[in-house]
Amino acid sequence: MFKITVTPRFGDIDGLRHVNNTVLAVWFEKGRNPIFRMFTPDLDLSYEKWKLILVRTEFDFLAQMYYGSDVEIRSYITHIGNSSFTIGHEAWQDGELKAKGKAVLVHYDFIEQRKKPIPPDIRSQLEKHLVEED
């Protein structure tokens, strides 16, 4: 499992003084960076080097998050297929689970415009962060 801490910025807050729902997608993406590095260690976004494409994302908002308290983003692997894998995400604030979500990514070759099997060495790295869902 990977963990990062995010400090909500003033601009992340909506008119009701909540963390705006659009911010969660950005925070969860930031939480995926260690996983991105398994495929592209230097995070080079060129077509020749970048190897992932996002095909699905979803979020469940469980409780309100507010300005003034850090949020811990937890990211882990919930499923590994032949060419795709699923990342689970959680947002925790003040010791409470406030939101959760999933993202499905595909190992993809942008030059050939097609999916590719996940290489065995990367698969073994992903497996180290595999968490069974309840």
N, C-alpha and C. Protein backbone atom coordinates (compact mmCIF):
# COMPACT_ATOMS: atom_id res chain seq x y z
N MET A 1 0.85 -1.18 0.00
CA MET A 1 0.00 0.00 0.00
C MET A 1 0.89 1.24 0.00
N PHE A 2 0.46 2.20 -0.77
CA PHE A 2 1.16 3.48 -0.84
C PHE A 2 0.33 4.53 -0.11
N LYS A 3 1.01 5.44 0.60
CA LYS A 3 0.32 6.51 1.32
C LYS A 3 0.99 7.84 1.02
N ILE A 4 0.17 8.84 0.77
CA ILE A 4 0.66 10.21 0.64
C ILE A 4 -0.25 11.10 1.48
N THR A 5 0.25 12.23 1.87
CA THR A 5 -0.56 13.20 2.61
C THR A 5 -0.76 14.44 1.75
N VAL A 6 -2.01 14.88 1.69
CA VAL A 6 -2.38 16.05 0.90
C VAL A 6 -2.94 17.09 1.87
N THR A 7 -2.51 18.32 1.72
CA THR A 7 -3.05 19.42 2.50
C THR A 7 -4.04 20.19 1.63
N PRO A 8 -5.33 20.16 1.97
CA PRO A 8 -6.30 20.90 1.14
C PRO A 8 -5.92 22.38 1.06
N ARG A 9 -5.96 22.90 -0.15
CA ARG A 9 -5.67 24.31 -0.38
C ARG A 9 -6.96 25.11 -0.33
N PHE A 10 -6.84 26.39 -0.14
CA PHE A 10 -8.01 27.26 -0.13
C PHE A 10 -8.85 27.06 -1.40
N GLY A 11 -8.17 26.96 -2.55
CA GLY A 11 -8.86 26.80 -3.82
C GLY A 11 -9.50 25.44 -4.02
N ASP A 12 -9.23 24.48 -3.14
CA ASP A 12 -9.84 23.15 -3.21
C ASP A 12 -11.23 23.12 -2.57
N ILE A 13 -11.62 24.21 -1.96
CA ILE A 13 -12.85 24.26 -1.17
C ILE A 13 -13.98 24.88 -1.98
N ASP A 14 -15.19 24.32 -1.81
CA ASP A 14 -16.35 24.86 -2.54
C ASP A 14 -17.14 25.83 -1.67
N GLY A 15 -18.26 26.30 -2.18
CA GLY A 15 -19.07 27.29 -1.49
C GLY A 15 -19.68 26.80 -0.18
N LEU A 16 -19.73 25.50 0.03
CA LEU A 16 -20.26 24.93 1.27
C LEU A 16 -19.15 24.61 2.28
N ARG A 17 -17.94 25.06 1.96
CA ARG A 17 -16.74 24.86 2.78
C ARG A 17 -16.27 23.40 2.83
N HIS A 18 -16.68 22.62 1.85
CA HIS A 18 -16.21 21.23 1.72
C HIS A 18 -15.05 21.18 0.73
N VAL A 19 -14.27 20.11 0.81
CA VAL A 19 -13.34 19.82 -0.27
C VAL A 19 -14.21 19.52 -1.49
N ASN A 20 -13.97 20.23 -2.58
CA ASN A 20 -14.78 20.08 -3.79
C ASN A 20 -14.62 18.67 -4.37
N ASN A 21 -15.71 18.12 -4.89
CA ASN A 21 -15.67 16.75 -5.41
C ASN A 21 -14.70 16.58 -6.58
N THR A 22 -14.40 17.62 -7.29
CA THR A 22 -13.47 17.49 -8.43
C THR A 22 -12.03 17.31 -7.98
N VAL A 23 -11.73 17.68 -6.76
CA VAL A 23 -10.36 17.62 -6.24
C VAL A 23 -9.93 16.17 -5.98
N LEU A 24 -10.87 15.34 -5.63
CA LEU A 24 -10.55 13.95 -5.29
C LEU A 24 -9.88 13.23 -6.45
N ALA A 25 -10.31 13.47 -7.66
CA ALA A 25 -9.70 12.82 -8.83
C ALA A 25 -8.22 13.18 -8.93
N VAL A 26 -7.88 14.42 -8.65
CA VAL A 26 -6.49 14.87 -8.71
C VAL A 26 -5.67 14.21 -7.59
N TRP A 27 -6.24 14.16 -6.39
CA TRP A 27 -5.52 13.54 -5.27
C TRP A 27 -5.30 12.05 -5.50
N PHE A 28 -6.31 11.35 -6.01
CA PHE A 28 -6.16 9.93 -6.28
C PHE A 28 -5.12 9.70 -7.39
N GLU A 29 -5.12 10.57 -8.39
CA GLU A 29 -4.11 10.44 -9.44
C GLU A 29 -2.71 10.62 -8.86
N LYS A 30 -2.54 11.58 -7.98
CA LYS A 30 -1.25 11.79 -7.33
C LYS A 30 -0.84 10.55 -6.54
N GLY A 31 -1.82 9.89 -5.94
CA GLY A 31 -1.54 8.66 -5.20
C GLY A 31 -1.12 7.51 -6.10
N ARG A 32 -1.38 7.60 -7.39
CA ARG A 32 -0.98 6.56 -8.34
C ARG A 32 0.46 6.69 -8.82
N ASN A 33 1.12 7.81 -8.51
CA ASN A 33 2.48 8.03 -9.02
C ASN A 33 3.46 6.90 -8.72
N PRO A 34 3.49 6.32 -7.53
CA PRO A 34 4.43 5.21 -7.31
C PRO A 34 4.15 4.01 -8.22
N ILE A 35 2.89 3.81 -8.55
CA ILE A 35 2.51 2.72 -9.45
C ILE A 35 2.90 3.08 -10.88
N PHE A 36 2.68 4.33 -11.27
CA PHE A 36 3.12 4.78 -12.60
C PHE A 36 4.62 4.53 -12.78
N ARG A 37 5.39 4.78 -11.71
CA ARG A 37 6.85 4.64 -11.78
C ARG A 37 7.28 3.19 -12.01
N MET A 38 6.45 2.23 -11.67
CA MET A 38 6.79 0.83 -11.96
C MET A 38 6.90 0.61 -13.47
N PHE A 39 6.08 1.32 -14.21
CA PHE A 39 6.04 1.19 -15.67
C PHE A 39 6.97 2.18 -16.37
N THR A 40 7.03 3.41 -15.85
CA THR A 40 7.86 4.47 -16.43
C THR A 40 8.57 5.18 -15.27
N PRO A 41 9.75 4.67 -14.86
CA PRO A 41 10.41 5.20 -13.65
C PRO A 41 10.62 6.70 -13.61
N ASP A 42 10.88 7.33 -14.76
CA ASP A 42 11.13 8.78 -14.76
C ASP A 42 9.86 9.59 -15.05
N LEU A 43 8.71 8.92 -15.18
CA LEU A 43 7.42 9.56 -15.47
C LEU A 43 7.45 10.37 -16.76
N ASP A 44 8.30 9.96 -17.70
CA ASP A 44 8.39 10.61 -19.01
C ASP A 44 7.09 10.36 -19.77
N LEU A 45 6.40 11.42 -20.15
CA LEU A 45 5.09 11.30 -20.80
C LEU A 45 5.16 11.18 -22.32
N SER A 46 6.33 10.90 -22.87
CA SER A 46 6.43 10.73 -24.32
C SER A 46 5.75 9.44 -24.74
N TYR A 47 5.26 9.42 -25.97
CA TYR A 47 4.60 8.21 -26.51
C TYR A 47 5.51 7.00 -26.47
N GLU A 48 6.81 7.22 -26.62
CA GLU A 48 7.76 6.11 -26.64
C GLU A 48 7.94 5.47 -25.27
N LYS A 49 7.76 6.25 -24.20
CA LYS A 49 8.06 5.74 -22.87
C LYS A 49 6.84 5.48 -21.98
N TRP A 50 5.79 6.29 -22.11
CA TRP A 50 4.64 6.12 -21.22
C TRP A 50 3.89 4.85 -21.60
N LYS A 51 3.51 4.04 -20.61
CA LYS A 51 2.98 2.70 -20.88
C LYS A 51 1.60 2.44 -20.29
N LEU A 52 0.90 3.45 -19.82
CA LEU A 52 -0.40 3.22 -19.18
C LEU A 52 -1.47 4.13 -19.76
N ILE A 53 -2.69 3.61 -19.79
CA ILE A 53 -3.83 4.42 -20.18
C ILE A 53 -4.97 4.12 -19.19
N LEU A 54 -5.60 5.18 -18.71
CA LEU A 54 -6.71 5.06 -17.78
C LEU A 54 -7.98 4.75 -18.57
N VAL A 55 -8.69 3.67 -18.17
CA VAL A 55 -9.90 3.30 -18.90
C VAL A 55 -11.16 3.43 -18.05
N ARG A 56 -11.00 3.53 -16.73
CA ARG A 56 -12.18 3.67 -15.86
C ARG A 56 -11.75 4.26 -14.53
N THR A 57 -12.61 5.09 -13.99
CA THR A 57 -12.41 5.59 -12.64
C THR A 57 -13.77 5.81 -12.00
N GLU A 58 -13.84 5.58 -10.69
CA GLU A 58 -15.09 5.79 -9.96
C GLU A 58 -14.77 6.21 -8.53
N PHE A 59 -15.71 6.93 -7.92
CA PHE A 59 -15.54 7.43 -6.56
C PHE A 59 -16.84 7.27 -5.78
N ASP A 60 -16.69 6.99 -4.51
CA ASP A 60 -17.81 7.01 -3.58
C ASP A 60 -17.46 8.01 -2.49
N PHE A 61 -18.32 9.00 -2.30
CA PHE A 61 -18.12 10.00 -1.26
C PHE A 61 -18.87 9.52 -0.03
N LEU A 62 -18.15 9.24 1.05
CA LEU A 62 -18.73 8.64 2.24
C LEU A 62 -19.02 9.66 3.34
N ALA A 63 -18.23 10.71 3.38
CA ALA A 63 -18.40 11.76 4.39
C ALA A 63 -17.75 13.03 3.87
N GLN A 64 -18.08 14.14 4.48
CA GLN A 64 -17.57 15.43 4.04
C GLN A 64 -16.12 15.63 4.50
N MET A 65 -15.31 16.25 3.64
CA MET A 65 -13.96 16.62 3.98
C MET A 65 -13.89 18.15 4.00
N TYR A 66 -13.03 18.66 4.88
CA TYR A 66 -12.99 20.10 5.09
C TYR A 66 -11.58 20.65 5.00
N TYR A 67 -11.51 21.94 4.79
CA TYR A 67 -10.27 22.70 4.82
C TYR A 67 -9.73 22.69 6.25
N GLY A 68 -8.40 22.70 6.38
CA GLY A 68 -7.80 22.84 7.70
C GLY A 68 -7.27 21.55 8.30
N SER A 69 -7.44 20.44 7.62
CA SER A 69 -6.95 19.17 8.14
C SER A 69 -6.43 18.34 6.96
N ASP A 70 -5.25 17.79 7.12
CA ASP A 70 -4.64 16.99 6.05
C ASP A 70 -5.48 15.77 5.72
N VAL A 71 -5.29 15.27 4.50
CA VAL A 71 -5.98 14.08 4.01
C VAL A 71 -4.91 13.07 3.61
N GLU A 72 -5.07 11.85 4.10
CA GLU A 72 -4.16 10.77 3.72
C GLU A 72 -4.80 9.99 2.57
N ILE A 73 -4.06 9.86 1.49
CA ILE A 73 -4.50 9.10 0.33
C ILE A 73 -3.78 7.76 0.35
N ARG A 74 -4.55 6.69 0.34
CA ARG A 74 -3.99 5.34 0.33
C ARG A 74 -4.31 4.71 -1.03
N SER A 75 -3.31 4.09 -1.63
CA SER A 75 -3.47 3.46 -2.94
C SER A 75 -2.89 2.05 -2.88
N TYR A 76 -3.58 1.12 -3.51
CA TYR A 76 -3.16 -0.27 -3.49
C TYR A 76 -3.77 -0.98 -4.69
N ILE A 77 -3.31 -2.17 -4.97
CA ILE A 77 -3.79 -2.95 -6.11
C ILE A 77 -4.89 -3.89 -5.62
N THR A 78 -5.99 -3.95 -6.36
CA THR A 78 -7.08 -4.87 -5.99
C THR A 78 -7.26 -6.00 -6.99
N HIS A 79 -6.72 -5.84 -8.20
CA HIS A 79 -6.87 -6.88 -9.22
C HIS A 79 -5.76 -6.71 -10.26
N ILE A 80 -5.23 -7.84 -10.72
CA ILE A 80 -4.24 -7.83 -11.80
C ILE A 80 -4.72 -8.80 -12.87
N GLY A 81 -4.92 -8.29 -14.08
CA GLY A 81 -5.30 -9.13 -15.20
C GLY A 81 -4.11 -9.35 -16.12
N ASN A 82 -4.37 -9.72 -17.35
CA ASN A 82 -3.31 -9.95 -18.32
C ASN A 82 -2.65 -8.64 -18.75
N SER A 83 -3.46 -7.64 -19.11
CA SER A 83 -2.92 -6.36 -19.55
C SER A 83 -3.44 -5.19 -18.72
N SER A 84 -4.39 -5.45 -17.84
CA SER A 84 -4.97 -4.37 -17.03
C SER A 84 -4.84 -4.70 -15.54
N PHE A 85 -5.03 -3.67 -14.74
CA PHE A 85 -5.04 -3.85 -13.29
C PHE A 85 -5.90 -2.76 -12.68
N THR A 86 -6.37 -3.02 -11.47
CA THR A 86 -7.25 -2.09 -10.77
C THR A 86 -6.54 -1.58 -9.52
N ILE A 87 -6.61 -0.27 -9.34
CA ILE A 87 -6.05 0.38 -8.16
C ILE A 87 -7.20 0.81 -7.27
N GLY A 88 -7.12 0.47 -6.01
CA GLY A 88 -8.07 0.97 -5.02
C GLY A 88 -7.50 2.22 -4.37
N HIS A 89 -8.38 3.16 -4.08
CA HIS A 89 -7.96 4.41 -3.44
C HIS A 89 -8.85 4.68 -2.24
N GLU A 90 -8.27 5.30 -1.22
CA GLU A 90 -9.03 5.74 -0.06
C GLU A 90 -8.53 7.13 0.34
N ALA A 91 -9.45 7.96 0.81
CA ALA A 91 -9.11 9.28 1.36
C ALA A 91 -9.54 9.29 2.83
N TRP A 92 -8.59 9.51 3.71
CA TRP A 92 -8.82 9.52 5.15
C TRP A 92 -8.54 10.91 5.70
N GLN A 93 -9.45 11.43 6.51
CA GLN A 93 -9.23 12.72 7.18
C GLN A 93 -9.65 12.57 8.63
N ASP A 94 -8.79 12.99 9.53
CA ASP A 94 -9.06 12.91 10.96
C ASP A 94 -9.42 11.49 11.40
N GLY A 95 -8.73 10.51 10.83
CA GLY A 95 -8.93 9.13 11.24
C GLY A 95 -10.17 8.45 10.69
N GLU A 96 -10.88 9.11 9.77
CA GLU A 96 -12.10 8.55 9.20
C GLU A 96 -11.97 8.41 7.69
N LEU A 97 -12.50 7.29 7.16
CA LEU A 97 -12.56 7.09 5.73
C LEU A 97 -13.63 8.02 5.16
N LYS A 98 -13.21 8.95 4.31
CA LYS A 98 -14.12 9.96 3.77
C LYS A 98 -14.55 9.67 2.34
N ALA A 99 -13.69 8.99 1.57
CA ALA A 99 -14.02 8.67 0.18
C ALA A 99 -13.19 7.47 -0.24
N LYS A 100 -13.72 6.74 -1.21
CA LYS A 100 -12.97 5.62 -1.77
C LYS A 100 -13.25 5.57 -3.25
N GLY A 101 -12.38 4.89 -3.96
CA GLY A 101 -12.57 4.81 -5.39
C GLY A 101 -11.70 3.74 -6.01
N LYS A 102 -11.86 3.60 -7.31
CA LYS A 102 -11.09 2.62 -8.09
C LYS A 102 -10.66 3.27 -9.40
N ALA A 103 -9.58 2.78 -9.92
CA ALA A 103 -9.12 3.18 -11.25
C ALA A 103 -8.62 1.94 -11.96
N VAL A 104 -9.04 1.77 -13.20
CA VAL A 104 -8.57 0.65 -14.01
C VAL A 104 -7.61 1.22 -15.05
N LEU A 105 -6.42 0.66 -15.08
CA LEU A 105 -5.40 1.07 -16.05
C LEU A 105 -5.01 -0.11 -16.91
N VAL A 106 -4.61 0.19 -18.13
CA VAL A 106 -4.18 -0.82 -19.08
C VAL A 106 -2.74 -0.54 -19.49
N HIS A 107 -1.94 -1.61 -19.52
CA HIS A 107 -0.59 -1.50 -20.05
C HIS A 107 -0.75 -1.31 -21.56
N TYR A 108 -0.27 -0.18 -22.08
CA TYR A 108 -0.63 0.24 -23.43
C TYR A 108 0.58 0.75 -24.18
N ASP A 109 0.66 0.41 -25.45
CA ASP A 109 1.71 0.90 -26.33
C ASP A 109 1.11 1.99 -27.21
N PHE A 110 1.49 3.23 -26.97
CA PHE A 110 0.91 4.36 -27.71
C PHE A 110 1.41 4.43 -29.16
N ILE A 111 2.57 3.86 -29.44
CA ILE A 111 3.08 3.85 -30.81
C ILE A 111 2.26 2.85 -31.64
N GLU A 112 2.07 1.65 -31.10
CA GLU A 112 1.31 0.62 -31.82
C GLU A 112 -0.21 0.74 -31.62
N GLN A 113 -0.62 1.61 -30.66
CA GLN A 113 -2.04 1.83 -30.36
C GLN A 113 -2.76 0.53 -29.98
N ARG A 114 -2.13 -0.22 -29.04
CA ARG A 114 -2.76 -1.45 -28.58
C ARG A 114 -2.28 -1.81 -27.18
N LYS A 115 -3.11 -2.59 -26.49
CA LYS A 115 -2.74 -3.05 -25.16
C LYS A 115 -1.68 -4.13 -25.27
N LYS A 116 -0.92 -4.27 -24.18
CA LYS A 116 0.15 -5.27 -24.12
C LYS A 116 0.08 -5.98 -22.77
N PRO A 117 0.52 -7.23 -22.72
CA PRO A 117 0.55 -7.93 -21.43
C PRO A 117 1.47 -7.21 -20.44
N ILE A 118 1.12 -7.27 -19.18
CA ILE A 118 1.97 -6.69 -18.14
C ILE A 118 3.21 -7.57 -18.01
N PRO A 119 4.40 -6.98 -18.12
CA PRO A 119 5.63 -7.78 -18.03
C PRO A 119 5.74 -8.47 -16.65
N PRO A 120 6.34 -9.66 -16.60
CA PRO A 120 6.44 -10.41 -15.34
C PRO A 120 7.10 -9.64 -14.20
N ASP A 121 8.15 -8.86 -14.49
CA ASP A 121 8.82 -8.12 -13.42
C ASP A 121 7.92 -7.04 -12.82
N ILE A 122 7.13 -6.40 -13.66
CA ILE A 122 6.20 -5.38 -13.15
C ILE A 122 5.03 -6.05 -12.44
N ARG A 123 4.56 -7.16 -12.97
CA ARG A 123 3.48 -7.92 -12.31
C ARG A 123 3.89 -8.27 -10.88
N SER A 124 5.13 -8.72 -10.70
CA SER A 124 5.57 -9.09 -9.34
C SER A 124 5.62 -7.87 -8.42
N GLN A 125 5.98 -6.70 -8.97
CA GLN A 125 5.94 -5.47 -8.17
C GLN A 125 4.51 -5.12 -7.77
N LEU A 126 3.57 -5.24 -8.72
CA LEU A 126 2.16 -4.96 -8.43
C LEU A 126 1.63 -5.91 -7.36
N GLU A 127 2.01 -7.18 -7.45
CA GLU A 127 1.53 -8.19 -6.50
C GLU A 127 1.93 -7.88 -5.07
N LYS A 128 3.04 -7.19 -4.88
CA LYS A 128 3.48 -6.81 -3.54
C LYS A 128 2.50 -5.84 -2.87
N HIS A 129 1.66 -5.19 -3.67
CA HIS A 129 0.72 -4.19 -3.14
C HIS A 129 -0.72 -4.64 -3.32
N LEU A 130 -0.91 -5.94 -3.58
CA LEU A 130 -2.24 -6.49 -3.79
C LEU A 130 -2.96 -6.62 -2.44
N VAL A 131 -4.17 -6.06 -2.40
CA VAL A 131 -5.00 -6.10 -1.19
C VAL A 131 -6.35 -6.68 -1.61
N GLU A 132 -6.79 -7.70 -0.91
CA GLU A 132 -8.10 -8.28 -1.19
C GLU A 132 -9.19 -7.35 -0.72
N GLU A 133 -10.19 -7.16 -1.55
CA GLU A 133 -11.31 -6.30 -1.18
C GLU A 133 -12.28 -7.04 -0.27
N ASP A 134 -12.93 -6.30 0.59
CA ASP A 134 -13.94 -6.89 1.49
C ASP A 134 -15.21 -7.22 0.73
